[in-house]
Amino acid sequence: MLRILITEDHLDLAENIGDFLETKGHQSDYAYDGQMAVSLAAENAYDAIIMDINMPKMDGLAATTAIRQSDKPSTPILMLTANDTLTDKLAGFDAGADDYIVKPFAMAELYARLQAQIRRINHDYVNELTFEQLTLNQNNKTGWVGKQEIPLTLASFKILQLLVKQQPEIVDKKEIEFQLWGDLKPENDVLRSHIYKVRKILSTYLPQLKITSKHGQGYKLESIDHE
């Protein structure tokens, strides 16, 4: 499942794009002006952003530039606009867009371009994440300490993946919950149980690593040796 931010002030078009992505098994968030897009991009981890140019409060060019200057500069941004001149397109790329699609467009083409950008960024980042002695293989969702595989459920893997990706920053509790369950978050605090299981795995296989929590904020992965 991908999480896409749709930044478009025409509500019908935004909903049509979101409905199409939903049929493909993905989740969409919506921003109806540039300022909202910058705010949501700072708060959440998106696989890609669809960005209209002509919007209220802050246009798509300024919003794209702001996102590129933030702490999440690598998120693919696909500009979606009626501005079809070469000058318009160059301005979009100069602002930091990865691709540019002109209205009107076919949903299939939009989706193909999104997938291409996401494949590109995933390829750039390599298939393995590492922190200290921990290695996470993002292809087969496994965790390793040297040549020893550690027992990880899919939920445990996703938690560690988020913590390693954002280390040494705190990962918001809501972001972890979204990655595990989407919008269907359990009523009980099941996340705490999953965090407990991951902590037990770390204490057995990687005692030098620990997950710390900050009340009201979230969790982060730390090395005891680096405290």
C-alpha atoms as a PDB file:
ATOM      1  CA  MET A   1       0.000   0.000   0.000  1.00  0.00           C
ATOM      2  CA  LEU A   2       1.274   3.424  -0.982  1.00  0.00           C
ATOM      3  CA  ARG A   3       0.383   6.644   0.790  1.00  0.00           C
ATOM      4  CA  ILE A   4      -0.105   9.517  -1.642  1.00  0.00           C
ATOM      5  CA  LEU A   5      -0.703  13.199  -0.898  1.00  0.00           C
ATOM      6  CA  ILE A   6      -3.057  14.744  -3.472  1.00  0.00           C
ATOM      7  CA  THR A   7      -2.699  18.530  -3.560  1.00  0.00           C
ATOM      8  CA  GLU A   8      -5.524  19.876  -5.698  1.00  0.00           C
ATOM      9  CA  ASP A   9      -8.053  22.660  -5.050  1.00  0.00           C
ATOM     10  CA  HIS A  10     -10.653  21.221  -7.447  1.00  0.00           C
ATOM     11  CA  LEU A  11     -12.425  18.829  -5.096  1.00  0.00           C
ATOM     12  CA  ASP A  12     -14.053  16.676  -7.780  1.00  0.00           C
ATOM     13  CA  LEU A  13     -10.716  16.026  -9.489  1.00  0.00           C
ATOM     14  CA  ALA A  14      -8.967  15.341  -6.197  1.00  0.00           C
ATOM     15  CA  GLU A  15     -11.649  12.823  -5.228  1.00  0.00           C
ATOM     16  CA  ASN A  16     -11.520  11.152  -8.646  1.00  0.00           C
ATOM     17  CA  ILE A  17      -7.766  10.666  -8.309  1.00  0.00           C
ATOM     18  CA  GLY A  18      -8.182   9.388  -4.764  1.00  0.00           C
ATOM     19  CA  ASP A  19     -10.927   6.952  -5.805  1.00  0.00           C
ATOM     20  CA  PHE A  20      -8.741   5.615  -8.615  1.00  0.00           C
ATOM     21  CA  LEU A  21      -5.776   5.116  -6.287  1.00  0.00           C
ATOM     22  CA  GLU A  22      -8.061   3.376  -3.792  1.00  0.00           C
ATOM     23  CA  THR A  23      -9.053   0.831  -6.466  1.00  0.00           C
ATOM     24  CA  LYS A  24      -5.333   0.067  -6.752  1.00  0.00           C
ATOM     25  CA  GLY A  25      -5.128  -0.577  -3.013  1.00  0.00           C
ATOM     26  CA  HIS A  26      -3.536   2.725  -1.990  1.00  0.00           C
ATOM     27  CA  GLN A  27      -4.334   5.431   0.569  1.00  0.00           C
ATOM     28  CA  SER A  28      -4.703   9.124  -0.237  1.00  0.00           C
ATOM     29  CA  ASP A  29      -4.562  12.258   1.885  1.00  0.00           C
ATOM     30  CA  TYR A  30      -5.820  15.584   0.548  1.00  0.00           C
ATOM     31  CA  ALA A  31      -4.518  19.136   0.620  1.00  0.00           C
ATOM     32  CA  TYR A  32      -6.590  21.909  -0.935  1.00  0.00           C
ATOM     33  CA  ASP A  33      -3.942  24.638  -0.894  1.00  0.00           C
ATOM     34  CA  GLY A  34      -0.164  24.852  -0.929  1.00  0.00           C
ATOM     35  CA  GLN A  35       0.235  25.687   2.749  1.00  0.00           C
ATOM     36  CA  MET A  36      -1.761  22.606   3.737  1.00  0.00           C
ATOM     37  CA  ALA A  37       0.429  20.496   1.443  1.00  0.00           C
ATOM     38  CA  VAL A  38       3.640  21.709   3.080  1.00  0.00           C
ATOM     39  CA  SER A  39       2.189  21.107   6.537  1.00  0.00           C
ATOM     40  CA  LEU A  40       0.977  17.570   5.760  1.00  0.00           C
ATOM     41  CA  ALA A  41       4.264  16.688   4.043  1.00  0.00           C
ATOM     42  CA  ALA A  42       6.127  17.711   7.206  1.00  0.00           C
ATOM     43  CA  GLU A  43       3.836  15.702   9.480  1.00  0.00           C
ATOM     44  CA  ASN A  44       3.542  12.476   7.480  1.00  0.00           C
ATOM     45  CA  ALA A  45       5.652  10.098   5.402  1.00  0.00           C
ATOM     46  CA  TYR A  46       4.345   9.946   1.822  1.00  0.00           C
ATOM     47  CA  ASP A  47       5.471   7.679  -0.983  1.00  0.00           C
ATOM     48  CA  ALA A  48       4.675  10.437  -3.501  1.00  0.00           C
ATOM     49  CA  ILE A  49       2.958  13.815  -3.818  1.00  0.00           C
ATOM     50  CA  ILE A  50       0.677  14.951  -6.635  1.00  0.00           C
ATOM     51  CA  MET A  51       0.945  18.729  -6.794  1.00  0.00           C
ATOM     52  CA  ASP A  52      -1.311  21.156  -8.676  1.00  0.00           C
ATOM     53  CA  ILE A  53       0.320  24.511  -9.496  1.00  0.00           C
ATOM     54  CA  ASN A  54      -2.525  27.035  -9.398  1.00  0.00           C
ATOM     55  CA  MET A  55      -3.781  26.904  -5.810  1.00  0.00           C
ATOM     56  CA  PRO A  56      -4.796  29.386  -3.102  1.00  0.00           C
ATOM     57  CA  LYS A  57      -2.564  30.580  -0.233  1.00  0.00           C
ATOM     58  CA  MET A  58       0.607  29.107  -1.752  1.00  0.00           C
ATOM     59  CA  ASP A  59       1.017  27.895  -5.323  1.00  0.00           C
ATOM     60  CA  GLY A  60       2.440  24.500  -6.212  1.00  0.00           C
ATOM     61  CA  LEU A  61       5.828  25.878  -7.219  1.00  0.00           C
ATOM     62  CA  ALA A  62       6.376  27.524  -3.830  1.00  0.00           C
ATOM     63  CA  ALA A  63       4.985  24.482  -2.006  1.00  0.00           C
ATOM     64  CA  THR A  64       7.325  22.162  -3.906  1.00  0.00           C
ATOM     65  CA  THR A  65      10.307  24.371  -3.124  1.00  0.00           C
ATOM     66  CA  ALA A  66       9.355  24.404   0.568  1.00  0.00           C
ATOM     67  CA  ILE A  67       9.093  20.605   0.669  1.00  0.00           C
ATOM     68  CA  ARG A  68      12.453  20.233  -1.051  1.00  0.00           C
ATOM     69  CA  GLN A  69      14.010  22.474   1.608  1.00  0.00           C
ATOM     70  CA  SER A  70      12.436  20.492   4.462  1.00  0.00           C
ATOM     71  CA  ASP A  71      13.807  17.410   6.235  1.00  0.00           C
ATOM     72  CA  LYS A  72      11.988  15.158   3.732  1.00  0.00           C
ATOM     73  CA  PRO A  73      13.434  16.404   0.440  1.00  0.00           C
ATOM     74  CA  SER A  74      13.419  13.135  -1.485  1.00  0.00           C
ATOM     75  CA  THR A  75       9.664  12.430  -1.711  1.00  0.00           C
ATOM     76  CA  PRO A  76       8.722  12.168  -5.418  1.00  0.00           C
ATOM     77  CA  ILE A  77       6.563  15.122  -6.551  1.00  0.00           C
ATOM     78  CA  LEU A  78       4.497  14.913  -9.726  1.00  0.00           C
ATOM     79  CA  MET A  79       3.103  18.243 -10.905  1.00  0.00           C
ATOM     80  CA  LEU A  80      -0.402  18.134 -12.297  1.00  0.00           C
ATOM     81  CA  THR A  81      -1.481  21.316 -14.070  1.00  0.00           C
ATOM     82  CA  ALA A  82      -3.127  22.964 -17.048  1.00  0.00           C
ATOM     83  CA  ASN A  83      -0.003  25.091 -17.628  1.00  0.00           C
ATOM     84  CA  ASP A  84       1.471  23.393 -20.693  1.00  0.00           C
ATOM     85  CA  THR A  85       4.163  25.708 -22.082  1.00  0.00           C
ATOM     86  CA  LEU A  86       7.846  24.811 -21.989  1.00  0.00           C
ATOM     87  CA  THR A  87       8.450  27.764 -19.652  1.00  0.00           C
ATOM     88  CA  ASP A  88       5.827  26.417 -17.251  1.00  0.00           C
ATOM     89  CA  LYS A  89       7.362  22.947 -17.296  1.00  0.00           C
ATOM     90  CA  LEU A  90      10.888  24.251 -16.728  1.00  0.00           C
ATOM     91  CA  ALA A  91       9.628  26.322 -13.793  1.00  0.00           C
ATOM     92  CA  GLY A  92       8.115  23.167 -12.309  1.00  0.00           C
ATOM     93  CA  PHE A  93      11.332  21.201 -12.644  1.00  0.00           C
ATOM     94  CA  ASP A  94      13.357  24.115 -11.278  1.00  0.00           C
ATOM     95  CA  ALA A  95      11.115  24.154  -8.204  1.00  0.00           C
ATOM     96  CA  GLY A  96      11.946  20.501  -7.597  1.00  0.00           C
ATOM     97  CA  ALA A  97       9.280  18.482  -9.420  1.00  0.00           C
ATOM     98  CA  ASP A  98      10.258  14.981 -10.568  1.00  0.00           C
ATOM     99  CA  ASP A  99       7.657  14.773 -13.329  1.00  0.00           C
ATOM    100  CA  TYR A 100       5.035  16.940 -14.991  1.00  0.00           C
ATOM    101  CA  ILE A 101       1.671  15.869 -16.404  1.00  0.00           C
ATOM    102  CA  VAL A 102      -0.705  18.238 -18.191  1.00  0.00           C
ATOM    103  CA  LYS A 103      -4.473  18.351 -17.736  1.00  0.00           C
ATOM    104  CA  PRO A 104      -6.577  16.749 -19.123  1.00  0.00           C
ATOM    105  CA  PHE A 105      -4.922  13.402 -18.532  1.00  0.00           C
ATOM    106  CA  ALA A 106      -5.686   9.704 -18.346  1.00  0.00           C
ATOM    107  CA  MET A 107      -5.710   8.162 -14.861  1.00  0.00           C
ATOM    108  CA  ALA A 108      -3.714   5.211 -16.184  1.00  0.00           C
ATOM    109  CA  GLU A 109      -0.930   7.532 -17.308  1.00  0.00           C
ATOM    110  CA  LEU A 110      -0.909   9.380 -13.993  1.00  0.00           C
ATOM    111  CA  TYR A 111      -0.652   6.086 -12.140  1.00  0.00           C
ATOM    112  CA  ALA A 112       2.122   4.806 -14.407  1.00  0.00           C
ATOM    113  CA  ARG A 113       4.138   7.978 -13.844  1.00  0.00           C
ATOM    114  CA  LEU A 114       3.624   7.742 -10.071  1.00  0.00           C
ATOM    115  CA  GLN A 115       4.848   4.158 -10.069  1.00  0.00           C
ATOM    116  CA  ALA A 116       7.882   5.090 -12.156  1.00  0.00           C
ATOM    117  CA  GLN A 117       8.909   7.817  -9.718  1.00  0.00           C
ATOM    118  CA  ILE A 118       8.403   5.577  -6.698  1.00  0.00           C
ATOM    119  CA  ARG A 119      10.454   2.794  -8.315  1.00  0.00           C
ATOM    120  CA  ARG A 120      13.204   5.307  -9.032  1.00  0.00           C
ATOM    121  CA  ILE A 121      13.404   6.586  -5.471  1.00  0.00           C
ATOM    122  CA  ASN A 122      13.270   3.085  -3.992  1.00  0.00           C
ATOM    123  CA  HIS A 123      16.065   1.975  -6.301  1.00  0.00           C
ATOM    124  CA  ASP A 124      18.157   4.966  -5.277  1.00  0.00           C
ATOM    125  CA  TYR A 125      17.844   4.045  -1.626  1.00  0.00           C
ATOM    126  CA  VAL A 126      19.061   0.421  -1.975  1.00  0.00           C
ATOM    127  CA  ASN A 127      17.205  -2.593  -0.702  1.00  0.00           C
ATOM    128  CA  GLU A 128      18.835  -2.822   2.713  1.00  0.00           C
ATOM    129  CA  LEU A 129      18.556  -0.565   5.736  1.00  0.00           C
ATOM    130  CA  THR A 130      21.216  -0.764   8.419  1.00  0.00           C
ATOM    131  CA  PHE A 131      21.692   0.634  11.893  1.00  0.00           C
ATOM    132  CA  GLU A 132      24.587  -0.546  14.041  1.00  0.00           C
ATOM    133  CA  GLN A 133      24.585  -4.376  13.630  1.00  0.00           C
ATOM    134  CA  LEU A 134      20.954  -4.549  12.464  1.00  0.00           C
ATOM    135  CA  THR A 135      20.215  -5.086   8.760  1.00  0.00           C
ATOM    136  CA  LEU A 136      16.696  -4.970   7.324  1.00  0.00           C
ATOM    137  CA  ASN A 137      16.046  -6.393   3.870  1.00  0.00           C
ATOM    138  CA  GLN A 138      13.202  -4.373   2.386  1.00  0.00           C
ATOM    139  CA  ASN A 139      12.581  -6.853  -0.431  1.00  0.00           C
ATOM    140  CA  ASN A 140      11.788  -9.933   1.618  1.00  0.00           C
ATOM    141  CA  LYS A 141      10.950  -8.143   4.892  1.00  0.00           C
ATOM    142  CA  THR A 142      13.590  -9.906   7.006  1.00  0.00           C
ATOM    143  CA  GLY A 143      15.987  -8.754   9.702  1.00  0.00           C
ATOM    144  CA  TRP A 144      19.568  -9.912  10.269  1.00  0.00           C
ATOM    145  CA  VAL A 145      22.405  -9.630  12.746  1.00  0.00           C
ATOM    146  CA  GLY A 146      25.420 -10.615  10.710  1.00  0.00           C
ATOM    147  CA  LYS A 147      24.463 -13.924   9.072  1.00  0.00           C
ATOM    148  CA  GLN A 148      21.817 -14.723  11.686  1.00  0.00           C
ATOM    149  CA  GLU A 149      18.212 -14.011  10.792  1.00  0.00           C
ATOM    150  CA  ILE A 150      16.113 -12.658  13.626  1.00  0.00           C
ATOM    151  CA  PRO A 151      12.434 -13.662  13.996  1.00  0.00           C
ATOM    152  CA  LEU A 152      10.281 -10.757  12.832  1.00  0.00           C
ATOM    153  CA  THR A 153       6.577 -10.680  12.123  1.00  0.00           C
ATOM    154  CA  LEU A 154       5.493  -8.296   9.359  1.00  0.00           C
ATOM    155  CA  ALA A 155       4.307  -5.809  12.007  1.00  0.00           C
ATOM    156  CA  SER A 156       7.643  -6.011  13.844  1.00  0.00           C
ATOM    157  CA  PHE A 157       9.517  -5.507  10.585  1.00  0.00           C
ATOM    158  CA  LYS A 158       7.452  -2.426   9.670  1.00  0.00           C
ATOM    159  CA  ILE A 159       8.059  -0.896  13.109  1.00  0.00           C
ATOM    160  CA  LEU A 160      11.812  -1.406  12.888  1.00  0.00           C
ATOM    161  CA  GLN A 161      11.831  -0.184   9.277  1.00  0.00           C
ATOM    162  CA  LEU A 162      10.227   3.113  10.296  1.00  0.00           C
ATOM    163  CA  LEU A 163      12.492   3.516  13.320  1.00  0.00           C
ATOM    164  CA  VAL A 164      15.667   2.854  11.313  1.00  0.00           C
ATOM    165  CA  LYS A 165      14.606   5.132   8.446  1.00  0.00           C
ATOM    166  CA  GLN A 166      13.956   8.065  10.757  1.00  0.00           C
ATOM    167  CA  GLN A 167      16.699   7.393  13.302  1.00  0.00           C
ATOM    168  CA  PRO A 168      17.706   9.396  15.320  1.00  0.00           C
ATOM    169  CA  GLU A 169      14.387  11.244  15.037  1.00  0.00           C
ATOM    170  CA  ILE A 170      11.219  10.258  16.882  1.00  0.00           C
ATOM    171  CA  VAL A 171       8.593   8.420  14.812  1.00  0.00           C
ATOM    172  CA  ASP A 172       5.118   9.689  15.588  1.00  0.00           C
ATOM    173  CA  LYS A 173       2.860   7.050  17.122  1.00  0.00           C
ATOM    174  CA  LYS A 174       0.127   7.881  14.593  1.00  0.00           C
ATOM    175  CA  GLU A 175       2.549   7.287  11.706  1.00  0.00           C
ATOM    176  CA  ILE A 176       3.427   3.813  13.011  1.00  0.00           C
ATOM    177  CA  GLU A 177      -0.247   3.004  13.485  1.00  0.00           C
ATOM    178  CA  PHE A 178      -1.031   4.158   9.951  1.00  0.00           C
ATOM    179  CA  GLN A 179       1.721   2.008   8.432  1.00  0.00           C
ATOM    180  CA  LEU A 180       0.429  -1.029  10.330  1.00  0.00           C
ATOM    181  CA  TRP A 181      -3.316  -0.613   9.912  1.00  0.00           C
ATOM    182  CA  GLY A 182      -4.051   2.305   7.589  1.00  0.00           C
ATOM    183  CA  ASP A 183      -7.235   4.069   8.625  1.00  0.00           C
ATOM    184  CA  LEU A 184      -8.526   0.909  10.347  1.00  0.00           C
ATOM    185  CA  LYS A 185      -6.706   1.543  13.609  1.00  0.00           C
ATOM    186  CA  PRO A 186      -7.661  -0.916  16.390  1.00  0.00           C
ATOM    187  CA  GLU A 187      -9.662   0.540  19.253  1.00  0.00           C
ATOM    188  CA  ASN A 188      -7.300  -0.829  21.913  1.00  0.00           C
ATOM    189  CA  ASP A 189      -3.671   0.222  22.203  1.00  0.00           C
ATOM    190  CA  VAL A 190      -2.386  -2.784  20.247  1.00  0.00           C
ATOM    191  CA  LEU A 191       0.680  -0.835  19.164  1.00  0.00           C
ATOM    192  CA  ARG A 192       2.083  -0.991  22.676  1.00  0.00           C
ATOM    193  CA  SER A 193       1.965  -4.792  22.512  1.00  0.00           C
ATOM    194  CA  HIS A 194       3.829  -4.790  19.179  1.00  0.00           C
ATOM    195  CA  ILE A 195       6.472  -2.401  20.545  1.00  0.00           C
ATOM    196  CA  TYR A 196       6.934  -4.723  23.531  1.00  0.00           C
ATOM    197  CA  LYS A 197       7.543  -7.680  21.184  1.00  0.00           C
ATOM    198  CA  VAL A 198      10.131  -5.721  19.180  1.00  0.00           C
ATOM    199  CA  ARG A 199      11.874  -4.672  22.392  1.00  0.00           C
ATOM    200  CA  LYS A 200      12.099  -8.327  23.460  1.00  0.00           C
ATOM    201  CA  ILE A 201      13.641  -9.262  20.105  1.00  0.00           C
ATOM    202  CA  LEU A 202      16.205  -6.480  20.421  1.00  0.00           C
ATOM    203  CA  SER A 203      17.077  -7.463  23.985  1.00  0.00           C
ATOM    204  CA  THR A 204      17.769 -11.027  22.786  1.00  0.00           C
ATOM    205  CA  TYR A 205      19.634 -10.368  19.548  1.00  0.00           C
ATOM    206  CA  LEU A 206      20.781  -6.739  19.766  1.00  0.00           C
ATOM    207  CA  PRO A 207      20.982  -5.719  23.438  1.00  0.00           C
ATOM    208  CA  GLN A 208      22.956  -2.609  22.473  1.00  0.00           C
ATOM    209  CA  LEU A 209      19.837  -1.221  20.780  1.00  0.00           C
ATOM    210  CA  LYS A 210      16.708  -0.035  22.507  1.00  0.00           C
ATOM    211  CA  ILE A 211      13.413   1.608  21.643  1.00  0.00           C
ATOM    212  CA  THR A 212      12.679   4.640  23.771  1.00  0.00           C
ATOM    213  CA  SER A 213       9.343   6.377  24.006  1.00  0.00           C
ATOM    214  CA  LYS A 214       8.440   9.994  24.515  1.00  0.00           C
ATOM    215  CA  HIS A 215       5.022  10.508  26.042  1.00  0.00           C
ATOM    216  CA  GLY A 216       2.561  12.069  23.634  1.00  0.00           C
ATOM    217  CA  GLN A 217       5.034  11.953  20.734  1.00  0.00           C
ATOM    218  CA  GLY A 218       6.220   8.521  19.687  1.00  0.00           C
ATOM    219  CA  TYR A 219       9.203   6.186  19.614  1.00  0.00           C
ATOM    220  CA  LYS A 220      12.794   6.184  18.443  1.00  0.00           C
ATOM    221  CA  LEU A 221      15.610   3.678  18.081  1.00  0.00           C
ATOM    222  CA  GLU A 222      18.808   4.357  20.004  1.00  0.00           C
ATOM    223  CA  SER A 223      22.184   2.759  20.564  1.00  0.00           C
ATOM    224  CA  ILE A 224      23.059   2.399  24.227  1.00  0.00           C
ATOM    225  CA  ASP A 225      26.733   2.856  23.336  1.00  0.00           C
ATOM    226  CA  HIS A 226      25.931   6.291  21.873  1.00  0.00           C
ATOM    227  CA  GLU A 227      24.014   7.729  24.783  1.00  0.00           C
END
